[in-house]
Amino acid sequence: VYNKRGLRQSPYNDGDLLRLNELKEEVSRL
């Protein structure tokens, strides 16, 4: 989402960030 100043904010938690990195590694492996 974006805050009031129009800057990007990432509300997903550490678990989401970890999963994104796992997805990146899995796609690269494939």
PDB file of all heavy atoms in Angstrom:
ATOM      1  N   VAL A   1       0.855  -1.195   0.000  1.00  0.00           N
ATOM      2  CA  VAL A   1       0.000   0.000   0.000  1.00  0.00           C
ATOM      3  C   VAL A   1       0.889   1.242   0.000  1.00  0.00           C
ATOM      4  O   VAL A   1       2.105   1.167   0.062  1.00  0.00           O
ATOM      5  CB  VAL A   1      -0.929   0.013   1.232  1.00  0.00           C
ATOM      6  CG1 VAL A   1      -1.882  -1.157   1.195  1.00  0.00           C
ATOM      7  CG2 VAL A   1      -0.106   0.004   2.515  1.00  0.00           C
ATOM      8  N   TYR A   2       0.242   2.412  -0.072  1.00  0.00           N
ATOM      9  CA  TYR A   2       0.949   3.691  -0.050  1.00  0.00           C
ATOM     10  C   TYR A   2       0.516   4.492   1.175  1.00  0.00           C
ATOM     11  O   TYR A   2      -0.650   4.453   1.574  1.00  0.00           O
ATOM     12  CB  TYR A   2       0.650   4.490  -1.318  1.00  0.00           C
ATOM     13  CG  TYR A   2       1.220   3.868  -2.573  1.00  0.00           C
ATOM     14  CD1 TYR A   2       0.503   2.895  -3.271  1.00  0.00           C
ATOM     15  CD2 TYR A   2       2.455   4.243  -3.060  1.00  0.00           C
ATOM     16  CE1 TYR A   2       1.023   2.312  -4.411  1.00  0.00           C
ATOM     17  CE2 TYR A   2       2.984   3.672  -4.209  1.00  0.00           C
ATOM     18  CZ  TYR A   2       2.265   2.715  -4.880  1.00  0.00           C
ATOM     19  OH  TYR A   2       2.785   2.139  -6.009  1.00  0.00           O
ATOM     20  N   ASN A   3       1.471   5.200   1.774  1.00  0.00           N
ATOM     21  CA  ASN A   3       1.119   6.021   2.929  1.00  0.00           C
ATOM     22  C   ASN A   3       0.593   7.381   2.468  1.00  0.00           C
ATOM     23  O   ASN A   3       0.438   7.624   1.266  1.00  0.00           O
ATOM     24  CB  ASN A   3       2.320   6.187   3.871  1.00  0.00           C
ATOM     25  CG  ASN A   3       3.482   6.908   3.204  1.00  0.00           C
ATOM     26  OD1 ASN A   3       3.312   7.592   2.204  1.00  0.00           O
ATOM     27  ND2 ASN A   3       4.680   6.740   3.765  1.00  0.00           N
ATOM     28  N   LYS A   4       0.326   8.292   3.394  1.00  0.00           N
ATOM     29  CA  LYS A   4      -0.270   9.582   3.059  1.00  0.00           C
ATOM     30  C   LYS A   4       0.650  10.435   2.208  1.00  0.00           C
ATOM     31  O   LYS A   4       0.189  11.333   1.501  1.00  0.00           O
ATOM     32  CB  LYS A   4      -0.646  10.320   4.340  1.00  0.00           C
ATOM     33  CG  LYS A   4      -1.765   9.643   5.125  1.00  0.00           C
ATOM     34  CD  LYS A   4      -2.122  10.437   6.374  1.00  0.00           C
ATOM     35  CE  LYS A   4      -3.252   9.772   7.137  1.00  0.00           C
ATOM     36  NZ  LYS A   4      -3.600  10.524   8.374  1.00  0.00           N
ATOM     37  N   ARG A   5       1.960  10.193   2.280  1.00  0.00           N
ATOM     38  CA  ARG A   5       2.909  10.963   1.473  1.00  0.00           C
ATOM     39  C   ARG A   5       3.144  10.332   0.103  1.00  0.00           C
ATOM     40  O   ARG A   5       3.953  10.809  -0.680  1.00  0.00           O
ATOM     41  CB  ARG A   5       4.234  11.092   2.220  1.00  0.00           C
ATOM     42  CG  ARG A   5       4.162  11.929   3.485  1.00  0.00           C
ATOM     43  CD  ARG A   5       5.534  12.137   4.067  1.00  0.00           C
ATOM     44  NE  ARG A   5       6.134  10.858   4.463  1.00  0.00           N
ATOM     45  CZ  ARG A   5       7.419  10.711   4.805  1.00  0.00           C
ATOM     46  NH1 ARG A   5       8.227  11.762   4.754  1.00  0.00           N
ATOM     47  NH2 ARG A   5       7.881   9.540   5.160  1.00  0.00           N
ATOM     48  N   GLY A   6       2.429   9.249  -0.188  1.00  0.00           N
ATOM     49  CA  GLY A   6       2.559   8.600  -1.482  1.00  0.00           C
ATOM     50  C   GLY A   6       3.727   7.645  -1.589  1.00  0.00           C
ATOM     51  O   GLY A   6       4.092   7.221  -2.687  1.00  0.00           O
ATOM     52  N   LEU A   7       4.346   7.289  -0.465  1.00  0.00           N
ATOM     53  CA  LEU A   7       5.477   6.375  -0.477  1.00  0.00           C
ATOM     54  C   LEU A   7       5.002   4.942  -0.289  1.00  0.00           C
ATOM     55  O   LEU A   7       4.056   4.682   0.470  1.00  0.00           O
ATOM     56  CB  LEU A   7       6.473   6.740   0.639  1.00  0.00           C
ATOM     57  CG  LEU A   7       7.112   8.135   0.531  1.00  0.00           C
ATOM     58  CD1 LEU A   7       7.998   8.394   1.746  1.00  0.00           C
ATOM     59  CD2 LEU A   7       7.919   8.253  -0.747  1.00  0.00           C
ATOM     60  N   ARG A   8       5.674   4.032  -0.966  1.00  0.00           N
ATOM     61  CA  ARG A   8       5.303   2.621  -0.854  1.00  0.00           C
ATOM     62  C   ARG A   8       5.601   2.103   0.542  1.00  0.00           C
ATOM     63  O   ARG A   8       6.646   2.398   1.119  1.00  0.00           O
ATOM     64  CB  ARG A   8       6.074   1.773  -1.870  1.00  0.00           C
ATOM     65  CG  ARG A   8       5.590   1.897  -3.283  1.00  0.00           C
ATOM     66  CD  ARG A   8       6.511   1.162  -4.226  1.00  0.00           C
ATOM     67  NE  ARG A   8       6.552  -0.261  -3.930  1.00  0.00           N
ATOM     68  CZ  ARG A   8       5.759  -1.159  -4.504  1.00  0.00           C
ATOM     69  NH1 ARG A   8       4.858  -0.768  -5.393  1.00  0.00           N
ATOM     70  NH2 ARG A   8       5.858  -2.423  -4.219  1.00  0.00           N
ATOM     71  N   GLN A   9       4.672   1.339   1.076  1.00  0.00           N
ATOM     72  CA  GLN A   9       4.885   0.653   2.340  1.00  0.00           C
ATOM     73  C   GLN A   9       4.592  -0.824   2.138  1.00  0.00           C
ATOM     74  O   GLN A   9       3.730  -1.195   1.346  1.00  0.00           O
ATOM     75  CB  GLN A   9       3.987   1.221   3.439  1.00  0.00           C
ATOM     76  CG  GLN A   9       4.393   2.609   3.895  1.00  0.00           C
ATOM     77  CD  GLN A   9       3.573   3.072   5.086  1.00  0.00           C
ATOM     78  OE1 GLN A   9       2.391   2.770   5.185  1.00  0.00           O
ATOM     79  NE2 GLN A   9       4.207   3.816   5.986  1.00  0.00           N
ATOM     80  N   SER A  10       5.316  -1.635   2.836  1.00  0.00           N
ATOM     81  CA  SER A  10       5.143  -3.082   2.698  1.00  0.00           C
ATOM     82  C   SER A  10       4.578  -3.659   3.989  1.00  0.00           C
ATOM     83  O   SER A  10       5.314  -3.914   4.943  1.00  0.00           O
ATOM     84  CB  SER A  10       6.497  -3.740   2.376  1.00  0.00           C
ATOM     85  OG  SER A  10       6.354  -5.129   2.296  1.00  0.00           O
ATOM     86  N   PRO A  11       3.264  -3.854   4.038  1.00  0.00           N
ATOM     87  CA  PRO A  11       2.644  -4.323   5.272  1.00  0.00           C
ATOM     88  C   PRO A  11       2.797  -5.817   5.525  1.00  0.00           C
ATOM     89  O   PRO A  11       2.410  -6.300   6.576  1.00  0.00           O
ATOM     90  CB  PRO A  11       1.171  -3.953   5.066  1.00  0.00           C
ATOM     91  CG  PRO A  11       0.984  -4.042   3.584  1.00  0.00           C
ATOM     92  CD  PRO A  11       2.277  -3.583   2.982  1.00  0.00           C
ATOM     93  N   TYR A  12       3.354  -6.576   4.525  1.00  0.00           N
ATOM     94  CA  TYR A  12       3.464  -8.004   4.803  1.00  0.00           C
ATOM     95  C   TYR A  12       4.534  -8.249   5.848  1.00  0.00           C
ATOM     96  O   TYR A  12       5.521  -7.516   5.980  1.00  0.00           O
ATOM     97  CB  TYR A  12       3.719  -8.819   3.536  1.00  0.00           C
ATOM     98  CG  TYR A  12       4.730  -8.303   2.553  1.00  0.00           C
ATOM     99  CD1 TYR A  12       6.085  -8.326   2.836  1.00  0.00           C
ATOM    100  CD2 TYR A  12       4.324  -7.826   1.309  1.00  0.00           C
ATOM    101  CE1 TYR A  12       7.023  -7.871   1.918  1.00  0.00           C
ATOM    102  CE2 TYR A  12       5.244  -7.366   0.393  1.00  0.00           C
ATOM    103  CZ  TYR A  12       6.591  -7.387   0.698  1.00  0.00           C
ATOM    104  OH  TYR A  12       7.515  -6.936  -0.205  1.00  0.00           O
ATOM    105  N   ASN A  13       4.332  -9.290   6.609  1.00  0.00           N
ATOM    106  CA  ASN A  13       5.191  -9.563   7.763  1.00  0.00           C
ATOM    107  C   ASN A  13       6.460 -10.310   7.359  1.00  0.00           C
ATOM    108  O   ASN A  13       6.693 -10.593   6.184  1.00  0.00           O
ATOM    109  CB  ASN A  13       4.397 -10.348   8.824  1.00  0.00           C
ATOM    110  CG  ASN A  13       3.800 -11.622   8.241  1.00  0.00           C
ATOM    111  OD1 ASN A  13       4.421 -12.300   7.428  1.00  0.00           O
ATOM    112  ND2 ASN A  13       2.581 -11.942   8.665  1.00  0.00           N
ATOM    113  N   ASP A  14       7.276 -10.662   8.365  1.00  0.00           N
ATOM    114  CA  ASP A  14       8.538 -11.351   8.086  1.00  0.00           C
ATOM    115  C   ASP A  14       8.298 -12.706   7.436  1.00  0.00           C
ATOM    116  O   ASP A  14       9.098 -13.158   6.617  1.00  0.00           O
ATOM    117  CB  ASP A  14       9.323 -11.522   9.382  1.00  0.00           C
ATOM    118  CG  ASP A  14       9.837 -10.194   9.930  1.00  0.00           C
ATOM    119  OD1 ASP A  14       9.936  -9.243   9.126  1.00  0.00           O
ATOM    120  OD2 ASP A  14      10.128 -10.107  11.138  1.00  0.00           O
ATOM    121  N   GLY A  15       7.183 -13.338   7.784  1.00  0.00           N
ATOM    122  CA  GLY A  15       6.876 -14.624   7.178  1.00  0.00           C
ATOM    123  C   GLY A  15       6.585 -14.492   5.693  1.00  0.00           C
ATOM    124  O   GLY A  15       7.011 -15.336   4.886  1.00  0.00           O
ATOM    125  N   ASP A  16       5.890 -13.421   5.322  1.00  0.00           N
ATOM    126  CA  ASP A  16       5.619 -13.174   3.901  1.00  0.00           C
ATOM    127  C   ASP A  16       6.907 -12.899   3.144  1.00  0.00           C
ATOM    128  O   ASP A  16       7.110 -13.388   2.029  1.00  0.00           O
ATOM    129  CB  ASP A  16       4.673 -11.971   3.738  1.00  0.00           C
ATOM    130  CG  ASP A  16       3.271 -12.275   4.224  1.00  0.00           C
ATOM    131  OD1 ASP A  16       2.865 -13.458   4.149  1.00  0.00           O
ATOM    132  OD2 ASP A  16       2.582 -11.347   4.669  1.00  0.00           O
ATOM    133  N   LEU A  17       7.792 -12.096   3.748  1.00  0.00           N
ATOM    134  CA  LEU A  17       9.061 -11.776   3.095  1.00  0.00           C
ATOM    135  C   LEU A  17       9.906 -13.026   2.921  1.00  0.00           C
ATOM    136  O   LEU A  17      10.547 -13.224   1.879  1.00  0.00           O
ATOM    137  CB  LEU A  17       9.821 -10.734   3.926  1.00  0.00           C
ATOM    138  CG  LEU A  17      11.095 -10.170   3.303  1.00  0.00           C
ATOM    139  CD1 LEU A  17      10.798  -9.492   1.981  1.00  0.00           C
ATOM    140  CD2 LEU A  17      11.768  -9.196   4.265  1.00  0.00           C
ATOM    141  N   LEU A  18       9.904 -13.877   3.928  1.00  0.00           N
ATOM    142  CA  LEU A  18      10.633 -15.138   3.826  1.00  0.00           C
ATOM    143  C   LEU A  18      10.071 -16.002   2.703  1.00  0.00           C
ATOM    144  O   LEU A  18      10.826 -16.594   1.918  1.00  0.00           O
ATOM    145  CB  LEU A  18      10.556 -15.899   5.155  1.00  0.00           C
ATOM    146  CG  LEU A  18      11.209 -17.287   5.177  1.00  0.00           C
ATOM    147  CD1 LEU A  18      12.702 -17.193   4.910  1.00  0.00           C
ATOM    148  CD2 LEU A  18      10.943 -17.969   6.528  1.00  0.00           C
ATOM    149  N   ARG A  19       8.748 -16.038   2.586  1.00  0.00           N
ATOM    150  CA  ARG A  19       8.116 -16.845   1.539  1.00  0.00           C
ATOM    151  C   ARG A  19       8.441 -16.291   0.155  1.00  0.00           C
ATOM    152  O   ARG A  19       8.679 -17.055  -0.786  1.00  0.00           O
ATOM    153  CB  ARG A  19       6.605 -16.883   1.759  1.00  0.00           C
ATOM    154  CG  ARG A  19       5.854 -17.718   0.719  1.00  0.00           C
ATOM    155  CD  ARG A  19       6.395 -19.127   0.636  1.00  0.00           C
ATOM    156  NE  ARG A  19       5.730 -19.921  -0.389  1.00  0.00           N
ATOM    157  CZ  ARG A  19       6.244 -21.014  -0.934  1.00  0.00           C
ATOM    158  NH1 ARG A  19       7.432 -21.467  -0.548  1.00  0.00           N
ATOM    159  NH2 ARG A  19       5.575 -21.677  -1.860  1.00  0.00           N
ATOM    160  N   LEU A  20       8.473 -14.962  -0.003  1.00  0.00           N
ATOM    161  CA  LEU A  20       8.837 -14.369  -1.280  1.00  0.00           C
ATOM    162  C   LEU A  20      10.249 -14.765  -1.701  1.00  0.00           C
ATOM    163  O   LEU A  20      10.505 -15.067  -2.864  1.00  0.00           O
ATOM    164  CB  LEU A  20       8.715 -12.851  -1.212  1.00  0.00           C
ATOM    165  CG  LEU A  20       7.305 -12.258  -1.300  1.00  0.00           C
ATOM    166  CD1 LEU A  20       7.337 -10.763  -1.027  1.00  0.00           C
ATOM    167  CD2 LEU A  20       6.687 -12.539  -2.660  1.00  0.00           C
ATOM    168  N   ASN A  21      11.165 -14.771  -0.740  1.00  0.00           N
ATOM    169  CA  ASN A  21      12.533 -15.185  -1.042  1.00  0.00           C
ATOM    170  C   ASN A  21      12.595 -16.666  -1.408  1.00  0.00           C
ATOM    171  O   ASN A  21      13.361 -17.063  -2.295  1.00  0.00           O
ATOM    172  CB  ASN A  21      13.453 -14.890   0.142  1.00  0.00           C
ATOM    173  CG  ASN A  21      13.927 -13.452   0.186  1.00  0.00           C
ATOM    174  OD1 ASN A  21      14.804 -13.051  -0.569  1.00  0.00           O
ATOM    175  ND2 ASN A  21      13.331 -12.661   1.076  1.00  0.00           N
ATOM    176  N   GLU A  22      11.780 -17.478  -0.737  1.00  0.00           N
ATOM    177  CA  GLU A  22      11.726 -18.898  -1.079  1.00  0.00           C
ATOM    178  C   GLU A  22      11.187 -19.103  -2.493  1.00  0.00           C
ATOM    179  O   GLU A  22      11.700 -19.951  -3.244  1.00  0.00           O
ATOM    180  CB  GLU A  22      10.845 -19.642  -0.070  1.00  0.00           C
ATOM    181  CG  GLU A  22      11.447 -19.749   1.324  1.00  0.00           C
ATOM    182  CD  GLU A  22      10.497 -20.376   2.329  1.00  0.00           C
ATOM    183  OE1 GLU A  22       9.297 -20.496   2.004  1.00  0.00           O
ATOM    184  OE2 GLU A  22      10.944 -20.737   3.430  1.00  0.00           O
ATOM    185  N   LEU A  23      10.170 -18.336  -2.842  1.00  0.00           N
ATOM    186  CA  LEU A  23       9.604 -18.421  -4.192  1.00  0.00           C
ATOM    187  C   LEU A  23      10.638 -18.013  -5.237  1.00  0.00           C
ATOM    188  O   LEU A  23      10.754 -18.648  -6.293  1.00  0.00           O
ATOM    189  CB  LEU A  23       8.365 -17.531  -4.304  1.00  0.00           C
ATOM    190  CG  LEU A  23       7.141 -17.965  -3.493  1.00  0.00           C
ATOM    191  CD1 LEU A  23       6.070 -16.876  -3.517  1.00  0.00           C
ATOM    192  CD2 LEU A  23       6.572 -19.268  -4.027  1.00  0.00           C
ATOM    193  N   LYS A  24      11.390 -16.962  -4.941  1.00  0.00           N
ATOM    194  CA  LYS A  24      12.438 -16.515  -5.865  1.00  0.00           C
ATOM    195  C   LYS A  24      13.468 -17.611  -6.094  1.00  0.00           C
ATOM    196  O   LYS A  24      13.862 -17.891  -7.239  1.00  0.00           O
ATOM    197  CB  LYS A  24      13.123 -15.259  -5.313  1.00  0.00           C
ATOM    198  CG  LYS A  24      14.261 -14.740  -6.197  1.00  0.00           C
ATOM    199  CD  LYS A  24      14.951 -13.550  -5.547  1.00  0.00           C
ATOM    200  CE  LYS A  24      16.043 -12.996  -6.455  1.00  0.00           C
ATOM    201  NZ  LYS A  24      17.084 -14.006  -6.770  1.00  0.00           N
ATOM    202  N   GLU A  25      13.911 -18.237  -5.034  1.00  0.00           N
ATOM    203  CA  GLU A  25      14.924 -19.292  -5.152  1.00  0.00           C
ATOM    204  C   GLU A  25      14.375 -20.503  -5.898  1.00  0.00           C
ATOM    205  O   GLU A  25      15.079 -21.121  -6.703  1.00  0.00           O
ATOM    206  CB  GLU A  25      15.414 -19.703  -3.759  1.00  0.00           C
ATOM    207  CG  GLU A  25      16.185 -18.620  -3.025  1.00  0.00           C
ATOM    208  CD  GLU A  25      17.401 -18.155  -3.806  1.00  0.00           C
ATOM    209  OE1 GLU A  25      18.107 -19.016  -4.383  1.00  0.00           O
ATOM    210  OE2 GLU A  25      17.642 -16.935  -3.856  1.00  0.00           O
ATOM    211  N   GLU A  26      13.120 -20.850  -5.647  1.00  0.00           N
ATOM    212  CA  GLU A  26      12.512 -21.996  -6.313  1.00  0.00           C
ATOM    213  C   GLU A  26      12.355 -21.743  -7.810  1.00  0.00           C
ATOM    214  O   GLU A  26      12.629 -22.624  -8.632  1.00  0.00           O
ATOM    215  CB  GLU A  26      11.152 -22.308  -5.682  1.00  0.00           C
ATOM    216  CG  GLU A  26      10.407 -23.473  -6.325  1.00  0.00           C
ATOM    217  CD  GLU A  26      11.098 -24.815  -6.144  1.00  0.00           C
ATOM    218  OE1 GLU A  26      12.070 -24.879  -5.359  1.00  0.00           O
ATOM    219  OE2 GLU A  26      10.689 -25.784  -6.796  1.00  0.00           O
ATOM    220  N   VAL A  27      11.915 -20.536  -8.175  1.00  0.00           N
ATOM    221  CA  VAL A  27      11.784 -20.193  -9.592  1.00  0.00           C
ATOM    222  C   VAL A  27      13.149 -20.213 -10.276  1.00  0.00           C
ATOM    223  O   VAL A  27      13.293 -20.722 -11.390  1.00  0.00           O
ATOM    224  CB  VAL A  27      11.109 -18.814  -9.756  1.00  0.00           C
ATOM    225  CG1 VAL A  27      11.183 -18.349 -11.208  1.00  0.00           C
ATOM    226  CG2 VAL A  27       9.656 -18.876  -9.316  1.00  0.00           C
ATOM    227  N   SER A  28      14.168 -19.669  -9.601  1.00  0.00           N
ATOM    228  CA  SER A  28      15.522 -19.675 -10.173  1.00  0.00           C
ATOM    229  C   SER A  28      16.024 -21.096 -10.369  1.00  0.00           C
ATOM    230  O   SER A  28      16.649 -21.412 -11.390  1.00  0.00           O
ATOM    231  CB  SER A  28      16.488 -18.908  -9.249  1.00  0.00           C
ATOM    232  OG  SER A  28      16.127 -17.550  -9.158  1.00  0.00           O
ATOM    233  N   ARG A  29      15.737 -21.977  -9.411  1.00  0.00           N
ATOM    234  CA  ARG A  29      16.169 -23.374  -9.523  1.00  0.00           C
ATOM    235  C   ARG A  29      15.499 -24.057 -10.705  1.00  0.00           C
ATOM    236  O   ARG A  29      16.151 -24.780 -11.473  1.00  0.00           O
ATOM    237  CB  ARG A  29      15.836 -24.130  -8.230  1.00  0.00           C
ATOM    238  CG  ARG A  29      16.358 -25.566  -8.191  1.00  0.00           C
ATOM    239  CD  ARG A  29      15.841 -26.297  -6.972  1.00  0.00           C
ATOM    240  NE  ARG A  29      14.397 -26.487  -7.042  1.00  0.00           N
ATOM    241  CZ  ARG A  29      13.809 -27.441  -7.754  1.00  0.00           C
ATOM    242  NH1 ARG A  29      14.535 -28.295  -8.478  1.00  0.00           N
ATOM    243  NH2 ARG A  29      12.493 -27.562  -7.748  1.00  0.00           N
ATOM    244  N   LEU A  30      14.205 -23.809 -10.878  1.00  0.00           N
ATOM    245  CA  LEU A  30      13.483 -24.408 -12.007  1.00  0.00           C
ATOM    246  C   LEU A  30      13.999 -23.898 -13.342  1.00  0.00           C
ATOM    247  O   LEU A  30      14.125 -24.669 -14.300  1.00  0.00           O
ATOM    248  CB  LEU A  30      11.978 -24.124 -11.874  1.00  0.00           C
ATOM    249  CG  LEU A  30      11.240 -24.841 -10.746  1.00  0.00           C
ATOM    250  CD1 LEU A  30       9.857 -24.236 -10.553  1.00  0.00           C
ATOM    251  CD2 LEU A  30      11.152 -26.325 -11.029  1.00  0.00           C
TER     252      LEU A  30
END
